[in-house]
Amino acid sequence: MDISERPRPLYNTNGDCAALLVSSNIFNRSGEWIGWVTSENMVYDVDGIYVGWLSDELRILRKRSNVSEERREPPDPPGRIRTPATIPLPPMMPELPYSIIDVLDEQPERLHTIDTGELKEDMN
């Protein structure tokens, strides 16, 4: 990961910065790794499960009816990043059709940290 690259904000439809993109890695606002983006702009979580795609206006979108859980081998986890103190204002967001959802707005739990998520075993 190129540490010198400035984080790019990923916005939700409401215009809130909900995540940060550095190189091809996605981090939450605390600087923890929550996913990555392929060269085709496909977004995967830290477990390698398909989440959606990165749109031109830097939103993570997904088809509402998408039930397939395509998996890819996740890359090695990058280190934590230092988050910027200020975030630029969001661009104007086009309205989404009903068939597409904004993941960071409606299903943010799809992008979780390495130590959390639905597929993690409970400690007993």
N, C-alpha and C. Protein backbone atom coordinates (compact mmCIF):
# COMPACT_ATOMS: atom_id res chain seq x y z
N MET A 1 0.84 -1.18 0.00
CA MET A 1 0.00 0.00 0.00
C MET A 1 0.88 1.23 0.00
N ASP A 2 0.56 2.17 -0.84
CA ASP A 2 1.31 3.42 -0.92
C ASP A 2 0.82 4.36 0.17
N ILE A 3 1.61 4.49 1.23
CA ILE A 3 1.22 5.31 2.37
C ILE A 3 1.09 6.78 1.97
N SER A 4 1.84 7.20 0.95
CA SER A 4 1.82 8.61 0.56
C SER A 4 0.53 9.01 -0.15
N GLU A 5 -0.24 8.03 -0.60
CA GLU A 5 -1.49 8.35 -1.29
C GLU A 5 -2.52 8.90 -0.31
N ARG A 6 -3.15 9.97 -0.70
CA ARG A 6 -4.17 10.59 0.15
C ARG A 6 -5.45 9.76 0.12
N PRO A 7 -6.07 9.57 1.27
CA PRO A 7 -7.35 8.83 1.30
C PRO A 7 -8.42 9.59 0.52
N ARG A 8 -9.19 8.86 -0.27
CA ARG A 8 -10.32 9.45 -0.97
C ARG A 8 -11.58 9.05 -0.24
N PRO A 9 -12.44 10.01 0.07
CA PRO A 9 -13.67 9.68 0.81
C PRO A 9 -14.67 8.90 -0.05
N LEU A 10 -15.32 7.93 0.58
CA LEU A 10 -16.43 7.20 -0.03
C LEU A 10 -17.69 7.67 0.68
N TYR A 11 -18.61 8.21 -0.07
CA TYR A 11 -19.80 8.82 0.50
C TYR A 11 -21.00 7.88 0.41
N ASN A 12 -21.97 8.11 1.31
CA ASN A 12 -23.26 7.44 1.14
C ASN A 12 -24.19 8.42 0.43
N THR A 13 -25.38 7.98 0.12
CA THR A 13 -26.32 8.80 -0.64
C THR A 13 -26.68 10.09 0.09
N ASN A 14 -26.64 10.06 1.42
CA ASN A 14 -26.95 11.27 2.19
C ASN A 14 -25.82 12.29 2.15
N GLY A 15 -24.67 11.92 1.57
CA GLY A 15 -23.54 12.84 1.48
C GLY A 15 -22.57 12.73 2.63
N ASP A 16 -22.74 11.73 3.49
CA ASP A 16 -21.82 11.53 4.62
C ASP A 16 -20.64 10.68 4.16
N CYS A 17 -19.46 11.04 4.64
CA CYS A 17 -18.29 10.21 4.36
C CYS A 17 -18.39 8.99 5.28
N ALA A 18 -18.54 7.82 4.68
CA ALA A 18 -18.75 6.60 5.46
C ALA A 18 -17.53 5.68 5.44
N ALA A 19 -16.58 5.93 4.53
CA ALA A 19 -15.38 5.10 4.43
C ALA A 19 -14.33 5.88 3.64
N LEU A 20 -13.13 5.31 3.60
CA LEU A 20 -12.02 5.95 2.89
C LEU A 20 -11.36 4.93 1.97
N LEU A 21 -10.94 5.39 0.80
CA LEU A 21 -10.27 4.53 -0.17
C LEU A 21 -8.82 4.99 -0.28
N VAL A 22 -7.89 4.06 -0.03
CA VAL A 22 -6.46 4.32 -0.20
C VAL A 22 -5.93 3.21 -1.09
N SER A 23 -5.38 3.59 -2.23
CA SER A 23 -4.98 2.62 -3.27
C SER A 23 -6.21 1.79 -3.60
N SER A 24 -6.16 0.50 -3.38
CA SER A 24 -7.33 -0.34 -3.67
C SER A 24 -7.98 -0.85 -2.38
N ASN A 25 -7.60 -0.29 -1.24
CA ASN A 25 -8.13 -0.74 0.05
C ASN A 25 -9.15 0.24 0.60
N ILE A 26 -10.18 -0.31 1.26
CA ILE A 26 -11.23 0.50 1.87
C ILE A 26 -11.07 0.42 3.39
N PHE A 27 -11.16 1.58 4.04
CA PHE A 27 -11.01 1.67 5.48
C PHE A 27 -12.22 2.38 6.07
N ASN A 28 -12.58 2.03 7.32
CA ASN A 28 -13.66 2.75 7.98
C ASN A 28 -13.12 4.09 8.48
N ARG A 29 -13.97 4.90 9.08
CA ARG A 29 -13.56 6.23 9.54
C ARG A 29 -12.59 6.18 10.71
N SER A 30 -12.42 5.00 11.32
CA SER A 30 -11.43 4.84 12.39
C SER A 30 -10.07 4.42 11.84
N GLY A 31 -9.99 4.14 10.54
CA GLY A 31 -8.74 3.75 9.92
C GLY A 31 -8.52 2.25 9.83
N GLU A 32 -9.55 1.45 10.16
CA GLU A 32 -9.43 -0.01 10.10
C GLU A 32 -9.84 -0.51 8.72
N TRP A 33 -9.14 -1.54 8.24
CA TRP A 33 -9.40 -2.12 6.92
C TRP A 33 -10.74 -2.84 6.93
N ILE A 34 -11.59 -2.55 5.93
CA ILE A 34 -12.91 -3.19 5.84
C ILE A 34 -13.19 -3.81 4.47
N GLY A 35 -12.28 -3.66 3.51
CA GLY A 35 -12.51 -4.25 2.21
C GLY A 35 -11.52 -3.76 1.18
N TRP A 36 -11.74 -4.19 -0.06
CA TRP A 36 -10.88 -3.75 -1.15
C TRP A 36 -11.65 -3.68 -2.44
N VAL A 37 -11.05 -2.99 -3.43
CA VAL A 37 -11.66 -2.78 -4.74
C VAL A 37 -10.74 -3.40 -5.79
N THR A 38 -11.33 -4.15 -6.72
CA THR A 38 -10.55 -4.74 -7.81
C THR A 38 -10.33 -3.71 -8.91
N SER A 39 -9.53 -4.07 -9.90
CA SER A 39 -9.29 -3.17 -11.03
C SER A 39 -10.56 -2.96 -11.86
N GLU A 40 -11.56 -3.84 -11.69
CA GLU A 40 -12.85 -3.68 -12.38
C GLU A 40 -13.86 -2.92 -11.53
N ASN A 41 -13.40 -2.31 -10.42
CA ASN A 41 -14.24 -1.55 -9.48
C ASN A 41 -15.23 -2.41 -8.72
N MET A 42 -14.96 -3.72 -8.59
CA MET A 42 -15.80 -4.59 -7.78
C MET A 42 -15.29 -4.52 -6.34
N VAL A 43 -16.21 -4.47 -5.38
CA VAL A 43 -15.86 -4.30 -3.97
C VAL A 43 -16.08 -5.61 -3.23
N TYR A 44 -15.08 -6.00 -2.41
CA TYR A 44 -15.14 -7.21 -1.60
C TYR A 44 -14.83 -6.85 -0.16
N ASP A 45 -15.39 -7.63 0.78
CA ASP A 45 -15.10 -7.39 2.19
C ASP A 45 -13.80 -8.08 2.58
N VAL A 46 -13.41 -7.99 3.85
CA VAL A 46 -12.14 -8.55 4.32
C VAL A 46 -12.11 -10.08 4.26
N ASP A 47 -13.27 -10.72 4.15
CA ASP A 47 -13.34 -12.18 4.03
C ASP A 47 -13.38 -12.63 2.57
N GLY A 48 -13.38 -11.68 1.64
CA GLY A 48 -13.40 -12.02 0.22
C GLY A 48 -14.78 -12.20 -0.36
N ILE A 49 -15.81 -11.74 0.34
CA ILE A 49 -17.20 -11.86 -0.14
C ILE A 49 -17.58 -10.60 -0.92
N TYR A 50 -18.22 -10.82 -2.07
CA TYR A 50 -18.66 -9.72 -2.92
C TYR A 50 -19.62 -8.81 -2.17
N VAL A 51 -19.37 -7.49 -2.28
CA VAL A 51 -20.22 -6.50 -1.63
C VAL A 51 -20.99 -5.70 -2.66
N GLY A 52 -20.35 -5.29 -3.74
CA GLY A 52 -20.99 -4.46 -4.75
C GLY A 52 -19.95 -3.88 -5.69
N TRP A 53 -20.21 -2.69 -6.20
CA TRP A 53 -19.25 -2.04 -7.08
C TRP A 53 -19.08 -0.58 -6.66
N LEU A 54 -17.94 -0.02 -7.02
CA LEU A 54 -17.63 1.38 -6.72
C LEU A 54 -18.09 2.22 -7.90
N SER A 55 -19.00 3.16 -7.64
CA SER A 55 -19.54 3.99 -8.70
C SER A 55 -18.61 5.17 -8.99
N ASP A 56 -18.90 5.89 -10.06
CA ASP A 56 -18.08 7.04 -10.45
C ASP A 56 -18.09 8.14 -9.40
N GLU A 57 -19.20 8.29 -8.66
CA GLU A 57 -19.27 9.34 -7.64
C GLU A 57 -18.81 8.84 -6.27
N LEU A 58 -18.09 7.70 -6.26
CA LEU A 58 -17.48 7.12 -5.06
C LEU A 58 -18.51 6.67 -4.02
N ARG A 59 -19.52 5.97 -4.50
CA ARG A 59 -20.46 5.26 -3.63
C ARG A 59 -20.29 3.77 -3.89
N ILE A 60 -20.55 2.95 -2.88
CA ILE A 60 -20.53 1.51 -3.07
C ILE A 60 -21.98 1.07 -3.28
N LEU A 61 -22.26 0.55 -4.47
CA LEU A 61 -23.62 0.20 -4.86
C LEU A 61 -23.74 -1.30 -5.06
N ARG A 62 -24.97 -1.78 -4.99
CA ARG A 62 -25.25 -3.21 -5.11
C ARG A 62 -26.67 -3.37 -5.64
N LYS A 63 -26.88 -4.40 -6.45
CA LYS A 63 -28.25 -4.70 -6.89
C LYS A 63 -29.04 -5.22 -5.71
N ARG A 64 -30.25 -4.73 -5.55
CA ARG A 64 -31.09 -5.11 -4.42
C ARG A 64 -31.36 -6.61 -4.40
N SER A 65 -31.55 -7.21 -5.56
CA SER A 65 -31.92 -8.62 -5.63
C SER A 65 -30.71 -9.55 -5.70
N ASN A 66 -29.50 -9.03 -5.59
CA ASN A 66 -28.30 -9.86 -5.72
C ASN A 66 -28.19 -10.81 -4.53
N VAL A 67 -28.31 -12.10 -4.80
CA VAL A 67 -28.22 -13.10 -3.74
C VAL A 67 -26.96 -13.93 -3.83
N SER A 68 -26.26 -13.86 -4.97
CA SER A 68 -25.04 -14.65 -5.10
C SER A 68 -23.94 -14.04 -4.24
N GLU A 69 -23.18 -14.88 -3.62
CA GLU A 69 -22.09 -14.44 -2.76
C GLU A 69 -20.78 -14.89 -3.38
N GLU A 70 -20.39 -14.23 -4.46
CA GLU A 70 -19.12 -14.52 -5.12
C GLU A 70 -17.98 -14.26 -4.14
N ARG A 71 -17.01 -15.16 -4.11
CA ARG A 71 -15.87 -15.02 -3.20
C ARG A 71 -14.57 -14.91 -3.98
N ARG A 72 -13.65 -14.16 -3.42
CA ARG A 72 -12.29 -14.06 -3.93
C ARG A 72 -11.35 -14.18 -2.74
N GLU A 73 -10.15 -14.61 -3.02
CA GLU A 73 -9.14 -14.70 -1.97
C GLU A 73 -8.76 -13.27 -1.57
N PRO A 74 -8.92 -12.90 -0.29
CA PRO A 74 -8.57 -11.54 0.11
C PRO A 74 -7.06 -11.33 0.09
N PRO A 75 -6.65 -10.08 -0.17
CA PRO A 75 -5.22 -9.78 -0.10
C PRO A 75 -4.76 -9.75 1.35
N ASP A 76 -3.45 -9.65 1.54
CA ASP A 76 -2.94 -9.50 2.90
C ASP A 76 -3.48 -8.21 3.49
N PRO A 77 -3.89 -8.24 4.75
CA PRO A 77 -4.44 -7.03 5.36
C PRO A 77 -3.39 -5.91 5.45
N PRO A 78 -3.74 -4.73 5.00
CA PRO A 78 -2.83 -3.61 5.15
C PRO A 78 -2.88 -3.11 6.60
N GLY A 79 -1.96 -2.29 6.96
CA GLY A 79 -1.98 -1.71 8.30
C GLY A 79 -3.08 -0.67 8.43
N ARG A 80 -3.28 -0.24 9.62
CA ARG A 80 -4.25 0.82 9.91
C ARG A 80 -3.75 2.13 9.32
N ILE A 81 -4.66 3.00 8.90
CA ILE A 81 -4.27 4.29 8.36
C ILE A 81 -4.64 5.40 9.34
N ARG A 82 -4.00 6.52 9.16
CA ARG A 82 -4.38 7.73 9.91
C ARG A 82 -5.42 8.44 9.06
N THR A 83 -6.56 8.68 9.65
CA THR A 83 -7.66 9.30 8.90
C THR A 83 -7.47 10.81 8.86
N PRO A 84 -7.91 11.44 7.77
CA PRO A 84 -7.76 12.90 7.66
C PRO A 84 -8.68 13.62 8.63
N ALA A 85 -8.24 14.79 9.05
CA ALA A 85 -9.03 15.59 9.99
C ALA A 85 -10.25 16.23 9.31
N THR A 86 -10.10 16.53 8.04
CA THR A 86 -11.21 17.14 7.30
C THR A 86 -11.47 16.33 6.03
N ILE A 87 -12.72 16.37 5.59
CA ILE A 87 -13.16 15.64 4.40
C ILE A 87 -13.81 16.65 3.45
N PRO A 88 -13.49 16.57 2.15
CA PRO A 88 -14.13 17.49 1.20
C PRO A 88 -15.65 17.26 1.14
N LEU A 89 -16.35 18.27 0.70
CA LEU A 89 -17.80 18.14 0.51
C LEU A 89 -18.09 17.10 -0.55
N PRO A 90 -19.20 16.38 -0.42
CA PRO A 90 -19.51 15.33 -1.41
C PRO A 90 -19.97 15.94 -2.72
N PRO A 91 -19.81 15.17 -3.80
CA PRO A 91 -20.38 15.62 -5.08
C PRO A 91 -21.90 15.45 -5.05
N MET A 92 -22.56 16.01 -6.03
CA MET A 92 -24.00 15.80 -6.16
C MET A 92 -24.22 14.33 -6.51
N MET A 93 -25.13 13.71 -5.79
CA MET A 93 -25.39 12.28 -6.00
C MET A 93 -26.64 12.09 -6.84
N PRO A 94 -26.51 11.37 -7.95
CA PRO A 94 -27.73 11.07 -8.72
C PRO A 94 -28.62 10.12 -7.94
N GLU A 95 -29.91 10.24 -8.17
CA GLU A 95 -30.86 9.35 -7.50
C GLU A 95 -30.69 7.94 -8.02
N LEU A 96 -30.85 6.97 -7.13
CA LEU A 96 -30.71 5.57 -7.50
C LEU A 96 -32.06 4.96 -7.84
N PRO A 97 -32.10 4.08 -8.84
CA PRO A 97 -33.36 3.36 -9.09
C PRO A 97 -33.63 2.39 -7.94
N TYR A 98 -34.84 1.94 -7.81
CA TYR A 98 -35.21 1.04 -6.71
C TYR A 98 -34.39 -0.24 -6.72
N SER A 99 -33.96 -0.70 -7.87
CA SER A 99 -33.26 -1.98 -7.98
C SER A 99 -31.81 -1.91 -7.48
N ILE A 100 -31.30 -0.72 -7.16
CA ILE A 100 -29.92 -0.57 -6.69
C ILE A 100 -29.93 0.08 -5.32
N ILE A 101 -29.09 -0.45 -4.43
CA ILE A 101 -28.99 0.13 -3.08
C ILE A 101 -27.59 0.69 -2.85
N ASP A 102 -27.51 1.63 -1.96
CA ASP A 102 -26.24 2.20 -1.50
C ASP A 102 -25.82 1.37 -0.28
N VAL A 103 -24.76 0.60 -0.43
CA VAL A 103 -24.33 -0.31 0.64
C VAL A 103 -23.97 0.45 1.91
N LEU A 104 -23.24 1.55 1.79
CA LEU A 104 -22.81 2.28 2.98
C LEU A 104 -23.98 2.97 3.69
N ASP A 105 -25.10 3.09 3.00
CA ASP A 105 -26.28 3.70 3.59
C ASP A 105 -27.24 2.64 4.15
N GLU A 106 -27.52 1.60 3.37
CA GLU A 106 -28.54 0.62 3.75
C GLU A 106 -28.00 -0.67 4.35
N GLN A 107 -26.76 -1.05 4.02
CA GLN A 107 -26.20 -2.31 4.52
C GLN A 107 -24.72 -2.14 4.92
N PRO A 108 -24.41 -1.18 5.78
CA PRO A 108 -23.00 -0.95 6.14
C PRO A 108 -22.34 -2.15 6.83
N GLU A 109 -23.14 -3.04 7.40
CA GLU A 109 -22.57 -4.22 8.07
C GLU A 109 -21.88 -5.16 7.09
N ARG A 110 -22.12 -5.02 5.80
CA ARG A 110 -21.43 -5.85 4.81
C ARG A 110 -19.93 -5.57 4.79
N LEU A 111 -19.54 -4.36 5.16
CA LEU A 111 -18.13 -4.00 5.23
C LEU A 111 -17.75 -3.91 6.70
N HIS A 112 -17.11 -4.94 7.18
CA HIS A 112 -16.76 -5.04 8.60
C HIS A 112 -15.26 -5.22 8.75
N THR A 113 -14.76 -5.08 9.94
CA THR A 113 -13.34 -5.26 10.20
C THR A 113 -13.00 -6.75 10.25
N ILE A 114 -11.73 -7.07 10.29
CA ILE A 114 -11.27 -8.46 10.29
C ILE A 114 -11.82 -9.24 11.48
N ASP A 115 -11.93 -8.60 12.63
CA ASP A 115 -12.33 -9.32 13.85
C ASP A 115 -13.83 -9.31 14.11
N THR A 116 -14.63 -8.81 13.17
CA THR A 116 -16.08 -8.83 13.33
C THR A 116 -16.72 -9.39 12.07
N GLY A 117 -18.02 -9.54 12.08
CA GLY A 117 -18.74 -10.00 10.89
C GLY A 117 -19.56 -11.24 11.19
N GLU A 118 -20.52 -11.50 10.32
CA GLU A 118 -21.45 -12.62 10.51
C GLU A 118 -20.77 -13.98 10.46
N LEU A 119 -19.68 -14.09 9.71
CA LEU A 119 -19.03 -15.39 9.53
C LEU A 119 -18.02 -15.72 10.63
N LYS A 120 -17.81 -14.82 11.57
CA LYS A 120 -16.84 -15.06 12.64
C LYS A 120 -17.47 -15.92 13.72
N GLU A 121 -16.68 -16.85 14.26
CA GLU A 121 -17.18 -17.71 15.33
C GLU A 121 -17.18 -16.95 16.65
N ASP A 122 -18.18 -17.25 17.48
CA ASP A 122 -18.23 -16.65 18.81
C ASP A 122 -17.18 -17.29 19.69
N MET A 123 -16.61 -16.48 20.57
CA MET A 123 -15.66 -17.02 21.53
C MET A 123 -16.43 -17.56 22.73
N ASN A 124 -16.22 -18.80 23.11
CA ASN A 124 -16.91 -19.40 24.24
C ASN A 124 -15.94 -19.66 25.37
